């Protein structure tokens, strides 16, 4: 019981640190987000922060891992719904891109964060994109589609473009659904 409380306390503290760092990065940018600022925002000492993370890169890698874990759940949930294939794929991709859109909405530092992702999460980003393409390809293959990989690439490119050009999260779902219905 004591071990469970300790794990829970550590998980809670870790999430508080990650939330503080993410909030600072979105508000002030990655370059201005220091370990000292993260500790202050999380209401902990720098020594406590360093006991959890050796450096800022580890913190942002952990943020990225947590983010992709959440996205995987959303994608899996969408793909496993009892809906026609185009609706399942649209739901999975819309969920992913809406979450990302909302995360960065209002941040003047979105471009800085994206441009520096290779410094702290390049591998994770690449692995997630490969995983996502495989999931969409498998859903297409399972439904009997003749060219699942090709169509997965096309729909993923369209969904990314829709997300990047959207001015609100509410535009993303209908546009991705339209593309999925027309392609599939």
N, C-alpha and C. Protein backbone atom coordinates (compact mmCIF):
# COMPACT_ATOMS: atom_id res chain seq x y z
N UNK A 1 0.82 -1.20 0.00
CA UNK A 1 0.00 0.00 0.00
C UNK A 1 0.87 1.26 0.00
N UNK A 2 1.91 1.26 0.82
CA UNK A 2 2.80 2.42 0.87
C UNK A 2 3.52 2.61 -0.45
N UNK A 3 3.89 1.51 -1.10
CA UNK A 3 4.57 1.59 -2.41
C UNK A 3 3.65 2.18 -3.46
N UNK A 4 2.35 1.81 -3.42
CA UNK A 4 1.38 2.36 -4.36
C UNK A 4 1.22 3.87 -4.17
N UNK A 5 1.17 4.31 -2.92
CA UNK A 5 1.06 5.74 -2.64
C UNK A 5 2.27 6.49 -3.15
N UNK A 6 3.45 5.89 -2.99
CA UNK A 6 4.69 6.51 -3.45
C UNK A 6 4.70 6.62 -4.97
N UNK A 7 4.27 5.58 -5.67
CA UNK A 7 4.20 5.62 -7.14
C UNK A 7 3.20 6.67 -7.58
N UNK A 8 2.06 6.70 -6.91
CA UNK A 8 1.03 7.68 -7.24
C UNK A 8 1.53 9.10 -7.02
N UNK A 9 2.22 9.32 -5.91
CA UNK A 9 2.77 10.65 -5.60
C UNK A 9 3.81 11.04 -6.65
N UNK A 10 4.66 10.08 -7.02
CA UNK A 10 5.69 10.36 -8.01
C UNK A 10 5.06 10.65 -9.38
N UNK A 11 4.05 9.88 -9.76
CA UNK A 11 3.35 10.11 -11.03
C UNK A 11 2.68 11.48 -11.02
N UNK A 12 2.06 11.81 -9.91
CA UNK A 12 1.40 13.12 -9.80
C UNK A 12 2.42 14.24 -9.92
N UNK A 13 3.53 14.11 -9.23
CA UNK A 13 4.58 15.14 -9.28
C UNK A 13 5.16 15.24 -10.70
N UNK A 14 5.39 14.10 -11.33
CA UNK A 14 5.91 14.10 -12.70
C UNK A 14 4.96 14.84 -13.62
N UNK A 15 3.68 14.56 -13.52
CA UNK A 15 2.70 15.25 -14.36
C UNK A 15 2.63 16.74 -14.06
N UNK A 16 2.79 17.12 -12.81
CA UNK A 16 2.82 18.55 -12.46
C UNK A 16 4.01 19.24 -13.11
N UNK A 17 5.15 18.57 -13.10
CA UNK A 17 6.35 19.13 -13.74
C UNK A 17 6.13 19.25 -15.25
N UNK A 18 5.61 18.20 -15.86
CA UNK A 18 5.38 18.22 -17.30
C UNK A 18 4.36 19.29 -17.68
N UNK A 19 3.30 19.42 -16.90
CA UNK A 19 2.30 20.45 -17.17
C UNK A 19 2.90 21.85 -17.05
N UNK A 20 3.72 22.05 -16.03
CA UNK A 20 4.36 23.35 -15.84
C UNK A 20 5.28 23.67 -17.01
N UNK A 21 6.08 22.70 -17.43
CA UNK A 21 7.01 22.91 -18.54
C UNK A 21 6.26 23.18 -19.84
N UNK A 22 5.22 22.43 -20.09
CA UNK A 22 4.44 22.63 -21.32
C UNK A 22 3.80 24.01 -21.32
N UNK A 23 3.21 24.39 -20.22
CA UNK A 23 2.60 25.72 -20.12
C UNK A 23 3.60 26.84 -20.38
N UNK A 24 4.79 26.70 -19.81
CA UNK A 24 5.83 27.71 -20.03
C UNK A 24 6.29 27.73 -21.49
N UNK A 25 6.49 26.56 -22.08
CA UNK A 25 6.94 26.49 -23.47
C UNK A 25 5.91 27.13 -24.40
N UNK A 26 4.63 26.87 -24.15
CA UNK A 26 3.60 27.46 -24.99
C UNK A 26 3.50 28.96 -24.78
N UNK A 27 3.73 29.43 -23.56
CA UNK A 27 3.62 30.85 -23.24
C UNK A 27 4.87 31.65 -23.59
N UNK A 28 6.04 31.06 -23.37
CA UNK A 28 7.29 31.81 -23.50
C UNK A 28 8.24 31.25 -24.55
N UNK A 29 7.98 30.04 -25.03
CA UNK A 29 8.86 29.41 -25.99
C UNK A 29 9.83 28.46 -25.32
N UNK A 30 10.39 27.56 -26.11
CA UNK A 30 11.33 26.57 -25.56
C UNK A 30 12.60 27.20 -25.05
N UNK A 31 13.14 28.15 -25.81
CA UNK A 31 14.41 28.76 -25.41
C UNK A 31 14.31 29.52 -24.10
N UNK A 32 13.15 30.09 -23.83
CA UNK A 32 12.96 30.86 -22.59
C UNK A 32 12.49 29.99 -21.43
N UNK A 33 12.23 28.74 -21.68
CA UNK A 33 11.78 27.83 -20.62
C UNK A 33 13.01 27.17 -20.02
N UNK A 34 13.40 27.64 -18.87
CA UNK A 34 14.59 27.11 -18.18
C UNK A 34 14.17 26.12 -17.10
N UNK A 35 15.13 25.37 -16.64
CA UNK A 35 14.87 24.44 -15.53
C UNK A 35 14.43 25.22 -14.30
N UNK A 36 15.04 26.35 -14.08
CA UNK A 36 14.66 27.18 -12.93
C UNK A 36 13.21 27.65 -13.05
N UNK A 37 12.82 28.08 -14.24
CA UNK A 37 11.44 28.53 -14.46
C UNK A 37 10.45 27.38 -14.29
N UNK A 38 10.83 26.20 -14.76
CA UNK A 38 9.95 25.02 -14.61
C UNK A 38 9.77 24.69 -13.14
N UNK A 39 10.86 24.68 -12.38
CA UNK A 39 10.78 24.39 -10.95
C UNK A 39 9.87 25.40 -10.25
N UNK A 40 10.04 26.65 -10.57
CA UNK A 40 9.23 27.70 -9.95
C UNK A 40 7.75 27.51 -10.31
N UNK A 41 7.47 27.25 -11.58
CA UNK A 41 6.09 27.07 -12.04
C UNK A 41 5.45 25.85 -11.39
N UNK A 42 6.24 24.81 -11.16
CA UNK A 42 5.73 23.57 -10.55
C UNK A 42 5.73 23.63 -9.02
N UNK A 43 6.18 24.75 -8.47
CA UNK A 43 6.25 24.94 -7.01
C UNK A 43 7.12 23.88 -6.33
N UNK A 44 8.27 23.62 -6.94
CA UNK A 44 9.23 22.69 -6.36
C UNK A 44 10.62 23.31 -6.42
N UNK A 45 11.55 22.74 -5.69
CA UNK A 45 12.92 23.24 -5.74
C UNK A 45 13.61 22.72 -7.00
N UNK A 46 14.69 23.39 -7.38
CA UNK A 46 15.47 22.90 -8.52
C UNK A 46 16.04 21.52 -8.23
N UNK A 47 16.42 21.27 -7.00
CA UNK A 47 16.96 19.96 -6.64
C UNK A 47 15.91 18.87 -6.85
N UNK A 48 14.67 19.15 -6.48
CA UNK A 48 13.60 18.18 -6.70
C UNK A 48 13.38 17.97 -8.19
N UNK A 49 13.39 19.04 -8.95
CA UNK A 49 13.23 18.93 -10.40
C UNK A 49 14.31 18.04 -11.00
N UNK A 50 15.57 18.27 -10.60
CA UNK A 50 16.68 17.48 -11.12
C UNK A 50 16.63 16.03 -10.64
N UNK A 51 15.94 15.77 -9.55
CA UNK A 51 15.77 14.39 -9.11
C UNK A 51 14.82 13.63 -10.06
N UNK A 52 13.95 14.37 -10.72
CA UNK A 52 13.01 13.77 -11.66
C UNK A 52 13.55 13.76 -13.09
N UNK A 53 14.22 14.85 -13.49
CA UNK A 53 14.69 14.99 -14.87
C UNK A 53 16.08 15.62 -14.85
N UNK A 54 16.98 15.06 -15.63
CA UNK A 54 18.37 15.54 -15.67
C UNK A 54 18.50 16.86 -16.43
N UNK A 55 17.59 17.09 -17.38
CA UNK A 55 17.70 18.31 -18.19
C UNK A 55 16.37 18.61 -18.88
N UNK A 56 16.34 19.72 -19.53
CA UNK A 56 15.14 20.18 -20.23
C UNK A 56 14.76 19.24 -21.37
N UNK A 57 15.73 18.68 -22.04
CA UNK A 57 15.44 17.76 -23.14
C UNK A 57 14.67 16.54 -22.64
N UNK A 58 15.04 16.03 -21.48
CA UNK A 58 14.31 14.89 -20.91
C UNK A 58 12.87 15.26 -20.58
N UNK A 59 12.69 16.46 -20.09
CA UNK A 59 11.34 16.92 -19.76
C UNK A 59 10.48 16.96 -21.03
N UNK A 60 11.01 17.57 -22.08
CA UNK A 60 10.21 17.70 -23.30
C UNK A 60 10.05 16.37 -24.02
N UNK A 61 10.99 15.47 -23.87
CA UNK A 61 10.81 14.11 -24.41
C UNK A 61 9.68 13.41 -23.66
N UNK A 62 9.60 13.62 -22.35
CA UNK A 62 8.52 13.01 -21.54
C UNK A 62 7.16 13.63 -21.90
N UNK A 63 7.14 14.92 -22.15
CA UNK A 63 5.90 15.58 -22.58
C UNK A 63 5.44 14.97 -23.90
N UNK A 64 6.38 14.80 -24.81
CA UNK A 64 6.06 14.23 -26.12
C UNK A 64 5.55 12.80 -25.98
N UNK A 65 6.21 12.00 -25.16
CA UNK A 65 5.78 10.61 -24.97
C UNK A 65 4.36 10.56 -24.39
N UNK A 66 4.09 11.41 -23.42
CA UNK A 66 2.75 11.46 -22.82
C UNK A 66 1.71 11.88 -23.86
N UNK A 67 2.06 12.87 -24.66
CA UNK A 67 1.16 13.37 -25.69
C UNK A 67 0.83 12.28 -26.71
N UNK A 68 1.87 11.57 -27.18
CA UNK A 68 1.64 10.52 -28.17
C UNK A 68 0.88 9.34 -27.58
N UNK A 69 1.07 9.05 -26.32
CA UNK A 69 0.30 7.99 -25.67
C UNK A 69 -1.19 8.35 -25.68
N UNK A 70 -1.49 9.60 -25.40
CA UNK A 70 -2.88 10.07 -25.43
C UNK A 70 -3.44 10.01 -26.85
N UNK A 71 -2.63 10.42 -27.83
CA UNK A 71 -3.08 10.38 -29.22
C UNK A 71 -3.34 8.95 -29.68
N UNK A 72 -2.50 8.03 -29.27
CA UNK A 72 -2.70 6.63 -29.66
C UNK A 72 -4.04 6.11 -29.14
N UNK A 73 -4.38 6.47 -27.94
CA UNK A 73 -5.67 6.05 -27.37
C UNK A 73 -6.82 6.62 -28.20
N UNK A 74 -6.72 7.90 -28.57
CA UNK A 74 -7.77 8.52 -29.38
C UNK A 74 -7.89 7.86 -30.75
N UNK A 75 -6.76 7.60 -31.39
CA UNK A 75 -6.77 6.97 -32.71
C UNK A 75 -7.36 5.56 -32.62
N UNK A 76 -6.90 4.78 -31.66
CA UNK A 76 -7.41 3.41 -31.48
C UNK A 76 -8.92 3.43 -31.22
N UNK A 77 -9.36 4.35 -30.38
CA UNK A 77 -10.78 4.45 -30.06
C UNK A 77 -11.59 4.75 -31.32
N UNK A 78 -11.12 5.70 -32.12
CA UNK A 78 -11.82 6.04 -33.36
C UNK A 78 -11.86 4.89 -34.34
N UNK A 79 -10.75 4.20 -34.50
CA UNK A 79 -10.68 3.09 -35.45
C UNK A 79 -11.50 1.88 -35.00
N UNK A 80 -11.75 1.76 -33.71
CA UNK A 80 -12.49 0.60 -33.19
C UNK A 80 -13.99 0.83 -33.04
N UNK A 81 -14.46 2.00 -33.42
CA UNK A 81 -15.90 2.27 -33.34
C UNK A 81 -16.65 1.40 -34.34
N UNK A 82 -17.91 1.18 -34.06
CA UNK A 82 -18.77 0.40 -34.96
C UNK A 82 -19.40 1.36 -35.97
N UNK A 83 -18.56 1.79 -36.92
CA UNK A 83 -18.96 2.75 -37.94
C UNK A 83 -18.41 2.30 -39.28
N UNK A 84 -18.91 2.87 -40.38
CA UNK A 84 -18.28 2.58 -41.67
C UNK A 84 -16.80 3.01 -41.65
N UNK A 85 -16.00 2.36 -42.47
CA UNK A 85 -14.55 2.59 -42.49
C UNK A 85 -14.19 4.07 -42.63
N UNK A 86 -14.79 4.76 -43.57
CA UNK A 86 -14.42 6.17 -43.78
C UNK A 86 -14.71 7.01 -42.54
N UNK A 87 -15.79 6.70 -41.85
CA UNK A 87 -16.12 7.43 -40.62
C UNK A 87 -15.14 7.10 -39.49
N UNK A 88 -14.71 5.84 -39.40
CA UNK A 88 -13.75 5.45 -38.36
C UNK A 88 -12.40 6.14 -38.59
N UNK A 89 -11.95 6.14 -39.82
CA UNK A 89 -10.67 6.78 -40.13
C UNK A 89 -10.77 8.28 -39.91
N UNK A 90 -11.87 8.87 -40.35
CA UNK A 90 -12.06 10.31 -40.15
C UNK A 90 -12.09 10.66 -38.67
N UNK A 91 -12.79 9.85 -37.87
CA UNK A 91 -12.87 10.09 -36.43
C UNK A 91 -11.49 9.99 -35.78
N UNK A 92 -10.75 8.96 -36.15
CA UNK A 92 -9.41 8.77 -35.58
C UNK A 92 -8.50 9.96 -35.91
N UNK A 93 -8.48 10.35 -37.17
CA UNK A 93 -7.59 11.45 -37.58
C UNK A 93 -8.08 12.80 -37.07
N UNK A 94 -9.37 13.01 -37.08
CA UNK A 94 -9.92 14.27 -36.56
C UNK A 94 -9.58 14.43 -35.08
N UNK A 95 -9.72 13.35 -34.33
CA UNK A 95 -9.39 13.40 -32.90
C UNK A 95 -7.94 13.80 -32.70
N UNK A 96 -7.05 13.17 -33.44
CA UNK A 96 -5.61 13.47 -33.33
C UNK A 96 -5.34 14.93 -33.63
N UNK A 97 -5.82 15.40 -34.77
CA UNK A 97 -5.49 16.76 -35.18
C UNK A 97 -6.21 17.83 -34.38
N UNK A 98 -7.40 17.54 -33.88
CA UNK A 98 -8.08 18.51 -33.02
C UNK A 98 -7.33 18.71 -31.70
N UNK A 99 -6.86 17.62 -31.13
CA UNK A 99 -6.10 17.71 -29.87
C UNK A 99 -4.84 18.55 -30.10
N UNK A 100 -4.12 18.27 -31.16
CA UNK A 100 -2.90 19.02 -31.46
C UNK A 100 -3.22 20.49 -31.72
N UNK A 101 -4.29 20.73 -32.47
CA UNK A 101 -4.68 22.11 -32.77
C UNK A 101 -5.00 22.87 -31.49
N UNK A 102 -5.78 22.26 -30.62
CA UNK A 102 -6.17 22.92 -29.37
C UNK A 102 -4.97 23.15 -28.45
N UNK A 103 -4.03 22.21 -28.46
CA UNK A 103 -2.85 22.36 -27.63
C UNK A 103 -2.09 23.63 -27.99
N UNK A 104 -1.91 23.84 -29.28
CA UNK A 104 -1.09 24.97 -29.72
C UNK A 104 -1.89 26.25 -29.99
N UNK A 105 -3.21 26.19 -29.89
CA UNK A 105 -4.04 27.36 -30.16
C UNK A 105 -3.64 28.52 -29.25
N UNK A 106 -3.40 29.63 -29.85
CA UNK A 106 -3.07 30.83 -29.09
C UNK A 106 -1.61 30.96 -28.70
N UNK A 107 -0.80 29.95 -28.99
CA UNK A 107 0.62 30.04 -28.65
C UNK A 107 1.39 30.69 -29.78
N UNK A 108 2.12 31.72 -29.45
CA UNK A 108 2.97 32.38 -30.43
C UNK A 108 4.23 31.57 -30.70
N UNK A 109 4.39 30.46 -29.99
CA UNK A 109 5.63 29.69 -30.07
C UNK A 109 5.46 28.32 -30.74
N UNK A 110 4.34 28.13 -31.41
CA UNK A 110 4.07 26.86 -32.09
C UNK A 110 5.18 26.53 -33.09
N UNK A 111 5.54 27.48 -33.92
CA UNK A 111 6.56 27.22 -34.94
C UNK A 111 7.91 26.89 -34.31
N UNK A 112 8.26 27.60 -33.23
CA UNK A 112 9.52 27.32 -32.54
C UNK A 112 9.52 25.90 -31.98
N UNK A 113 8.41 25.50 -31.39
CA UNK A 113 8.31 24.17 -30.80
C UNK A 113 8.41 23.11 -31.90
N UNK A 114 7.68 23.31 -32.99
CA UNK A 114 7.75 22.35 -34.10
C UNK A 114 9.15 22.29 -34.70
N UNK A 115 9.79 23.43 -34.84
CA UNK A 115 11.11 23.44 -35.47
C UNK A 115 12.18 22.76 -34.61
N UNK A 116 11.96 22.72 -33.30
CA UNK A 116 12.95 22.13 -32.40
C UNK A 116 12.59 20.72 -31.95
N UNK A 117 11.52 20.16 -32.52
CA UNK A 117 11.09 18.83 -32.07
C UNK A 117 12.18 17.78 -32.27
N UNK A 118 13.01 17.95 -33.28
CA UNK A 118 14.06 16.96 -33.51
C UNK A 118 15.10 16.97 -32.39
N UNK A 119 15.21 18.08 -31.67
CA UNK A 119 16.17 18.17 -30.56
C UNK A 119 15.76 17.33 -29.36
N UNK A 120 14.46 17.11 -29.19
CA UNK A 120 14.02 16.39 -27.99
C UNK A 120 13.04 15.27 -28.28
N UNK A 121 12.52 15.18 -29.50
CA UNK A 121 11.50 14.17 -29.75
C UNK A 121 11.45 13.70 -31.19
N UNK A 122 12.50 13.88 -31.93
CA UNK A 122 12.50 13.50 -33.34
C UNK A 122 12.15 12.05 -33.55
N UNK A 123 12.76 11.18 -32.77
CA UNK A 123 12.52 9.74 -32.90
C UNK A 123 11.07 9.41 -32.56
N UNK A 124 10.55 10.00 -31.49
CA UNK A 124 9.18 9.73 -31.05
C UNK A 124 8.17 10.19 -32.09
N UNK A 125 8.42 11.35 -32.68
CA UNK A 125 7.52 11.87 -33.71
C UNK A 125 7.51 10.92 -34.90
N UNK A 126 8.68 10.52 -35.34
CA UNK A 126 8.78 9.61 -36.49
C UNK A 126 8.11 8.28 -36.20
N UNK A 127 8.35 7.73 -35.01
CA UNK A 127 7.73 6.46 -34.63
C UNK A 127 6.21 6.56 -34.59
N UNK A 128 5.71 7.68 -34.08
CA UNK A 128 4.26 7.85 -34.02
C UNK A 128 3.68 7.93 -35.43
N UNK A 129 4.30 8.67 -36.30
CA UNK A 129 3.80 8.81 -37.68
C UNK A 129 3.81 7.46 -38.40
N UNK A 130 4.83 6.67 -38.18
CA UNK A 130 4.88 5.32 -38.78
C UNK A 130 3.76 4.47 -38.19
N UNK A 131 3.60 4.50 -36.88
CA UNK A 131 2.53 3.74 -36.22
C UNK A 131 1.17 4.14 -36.78
N UNK A 132 0.93 5.45 -36.93
CA UNK A 132 -0.35 5.95 -37.41
C UNK A 132 -0.61 5.46 -38.84
N UNK A 133 0.39 5.55 -39.69
CA UNK A 133 0.22 5.09 -41.07
C UNK A 133 -0.07 3.58 -41.10
N UNK A 134 0.60 2.83 -40.25
CA UNK A 134 0.36 1.39 -40.18
C UNK A 134 -1.07 1.09 -39.72
N UNK A 135 -1.54 1.84 -38.74
CA UNK A 135 -2.91 1.63 -38.24
C UNK A 135 -3.95 1.92 -39.32
N UNK A 136 -3.77 3.01 -40.04
CA UNK A 136 -4.71 3.37 -41.10
C UNK A 136 -4.62 2.34 -42.23
N UNK A 137 -3.40 1.96 -42.60
CA UNK A 137 -3.20 0.94 -43.65
C UNK A 137 -3.87 -0.37 -43.26
N UNK A 138 -3.71 -0.77 -42.01
CA UNK A 138 -4.31 -2.03 -41.54
C UNK A 138 -5.83 -1.97 -41.59
N UNK A 139 -6.39 -0.85 -41.19
CA UNK A 139 -7.85 -0.69 -41.24
C UNK A 139 -8.34 -0.80 -42.68
N UNK A 140 -7.61 -0.19 -43.60
CA UNK A 140 -7.97 -0.28 -45.02
C UNK A 140 -7.83 -1.72 -45.53
N UNK A 141 -6.73 -2.37 -45.18
CA UNK A 141 -6.50 -3.74 -45.60
C UNK A 141 -7.58 -4.67 -45.05
N UNK A 142 -7.91 -4.51 -43.78
CA UNK A 142 -8.94 -5.34 -43.14
C UNK A 142 -10.30 -5.18 -43.82
N UNK A 143 -10.52 -4.03 -44.42
CA UNK A 143 -11.81 -3.81 -45.10
C UNK A 143 -11.76 -4.24 -46.57
N UNK A 144 -10.62 -4.78 -46.99
CA UNK A 144 -10.51 -5.28 -48.35
C UNK A 144 -10.00 -4.27 -49.37
N UNK A 145 -9.50 -3.15 -48.90
CA UNK A 145 -8.99 -2.14 -49.83
C UNK A 145 -7.79 -2.68 -50.59
N UNK A 146 -7.72 -2.37 -51.88
CA UNK A 146 -6.68 -2.92 -52.76
C UNK A 146 -5.32 -2.24 -52.59
N UNK A 147 -5.29 -0.99 -52.22
CA UNK A 147 -4.03 -0.25 -52.08
C UNK A 147 -3.99 0.48 -50.73
N UNK A 148 -3.94 -0.27 -49.65
CA UNK A 148 -4.06 0.34 -48.32
C UNK A 148 -2.94 1.32 -47.98
N UNK A 149 -1.71 1.00 -48.30
CA UNK A 149 -0.60 1.89 -47.94
C UNK A 149 -0.68 3.20 -48.72
N UNK A 150 -0.96 3.10 -49.99
CA UNK A 150 -1.06 4.30 -50.84
C UNK A 150 -2.17 5.22 -50.33
N UNK A 151 -3.33 4.65 -50.05
CA UNK A 151 -4.45 5.47 -49.60
C UNK A 151 -4.25 5.99 -48.18
N UNK A 152 -3.55 5.22 -47.36
CA UNK A 152 -3.23 5.71 -46.01
C UNK A 152 -2.33 6.94 -46.12
N UNK A 153 -1.34 6.89 -46.98
CA UNK A 153 -0.45 8.05 -47.18
C UNK A 153 -1.24 9.26 -47.66
N UNK A 154 -2.14 9.04 -48.59
CA UNK A 154 -2.92 10.15 -49.16
C UNK A 154 -3.81 10.77 -48.09
N UNK A 155 -4.55 9.94 -47.37
CA UNK A 155 -5.48 10.50 -46.38
C UNK A 155 -4.74 11.17 -45.23
N UNK A 156 -3.58 10.62 -44.85
CA UNK A 156 -2.78 11.26 -43.80
C UNK A 156 -2.24 12.61 -44.27
N UNK A 157 -1.80 12.69 -45.50
CA UNK A 157 -1.31 13.97 -46.04
C UNK A 157 -2.44 14.99 -46.09
N UNK A 158 -3.61 14.54 -46.52
CA UNK A 158 -4.76 15.45 -46.56
C UNK A 158 -5.14 15.94 -45.16
N UNK A 159 -5.18 15.01 -44.20
CA UNK A 159 -5.54 15.38 -42.84
C UNK A 159 -4.55 16.37 -42.25
N UNK A 160 -3.27 16.15 -42.51
CA UNK A 160 -2.25 17.08 -42.02
C UNK A 160 -2.43 18.46 -42.65
N UNK A 161 -2.66 18.48 -43.95
CA UNK A 161 -2.89 19.77 -44.63
C UNK A 161 -4.11 20.49 -44.11
N UNK A 162 -5.17 19.74 -43.87
CA UNK A 162 -6.40 20.33 -43.32
C UNK A 162 -6.11 20.95 -41.96
N UNK A 163 -5.41 20.21 -41.13
CA UNK A 163 -5.09 20.70 -39.79
C UNK A 163 -4.23 21.96 -39.84
N UNK A 164 -3.24 21.95 -40.71
CA UNK A 164 -2.33 23.10 -40.80
C UNK A 164 -3.02 24.35 -41.35
N UNK A 165 -4.04 24.17 -42.18
CA UNK A 165 -4.71 25.34 -42.75
C UNK A 165 -5.95 25.76 -41.96
N UNK A 166 -6.37 24.95 -41.02
CA UNK A 166 -7.58 25.27 -40.23
C UNK A 166 -7.34 26.49 -39.36
N UNK A 167 -8.39 27.27 -39.22
CA UNK A 167 -8.33 28.42 -38.32
C UNK A 167 -9.08 28.16 -37.02
N UNK A 168 -9.78 27.03 -36.96
CA UNK A 168 -10.42 26.60 -35.71
C UNK A 168 -10.50 25.08 -35.70
N UNK A 169 -10.54 24.52 -34.51
CA UNK A 169 -10.60 23.06 -34.37
C UNK A 169 -11.88 22.50 -34.99
N UNK A 170 -12.95 23.30 -34.98
CA UNK A 170 -14.23 22.82 -35.50
C UNK A 170 -14.21 22.60 -37.02
N UNK A 171 -13.25 23.15 -37.71
CA UNK A 171 -13.14 22.96 -39.16
C UNK A 171 -12.51 21.60 -39.51
N UNK A 172 -11.77 21.05 -38.60
CA UNK A 172 -10.96 19.87 -38.89
C UNK A 172 -11.80 18.63 -39.15
N UNK A 173 -12.72 18.31 -38.26
CA UNK A 173 -13.52 17.09 -38.39
C UNK A 173 -14.31 17.01 -39.68
N UNK A 174 -15.13 18.02 -40.00
CA UNK A 174 -15.91 17.94 -41.24
C UNK A 174 -15.04 17.84 -42.50
N UNK A 175 -13.93 18.53 -42.53
CA UNK A 175 -13.08 18.48 -43.71
C UNK A 175 -12.42 17.11 -43.86
N UNK A 176 -11.95 16.53 -42.77
CA UNK A 176 -11.33 15.21 -42.84
C UNK A 176 -12.40 14.16 -43.20
N UNK A 177 -13.60 14.30 -42.65
CA UNK A 177 -14.68 13.36 -43.00
C UNK A 177 -14.99 13.42 -44.49
N UNK A 178 -15.05 14.61 -45.06
CA UNK A 178 -15.32 14.79 -46.48
C UNK A 178 -14.24 14.08 -47.32
N UNK A 179 -12.98 14.32 -46.99
CA UNK A 179 -11.89 13.70 -47.72
C UNK A 179 -11.95 12.17 -47.60
N UNK A 180 -12.20 11.68 -46.40
CA UNK A 180 -12.25 10.23 -46.19
C UNK A 180 -13.39 9.61 -47.01
N UNK A 181 -14.54 10.26 -47.01
CA UNK A 181 -15.68 9.72 -47.78
C UNK A 181 -15.38 9.73 -49.28
N UNK A 182 -14.76 10.79 -49.77
CA UNK A 182 -14.46 10.88 -51.21
C UNK A 182 -13.39 9.88 -51.62
N UNK A 183 -12.37 9.68 -50.77
CA UNK A 183 -11.28 8.77 -51.10
C UNK A 183 -11.65 7.30 -50.93
N UNK A 184 -12.48 7.03 -49.96
CA UNK A 184 -12.75 5.64 -49.62
C UNK A 184 -14.13 5.21 -50.07
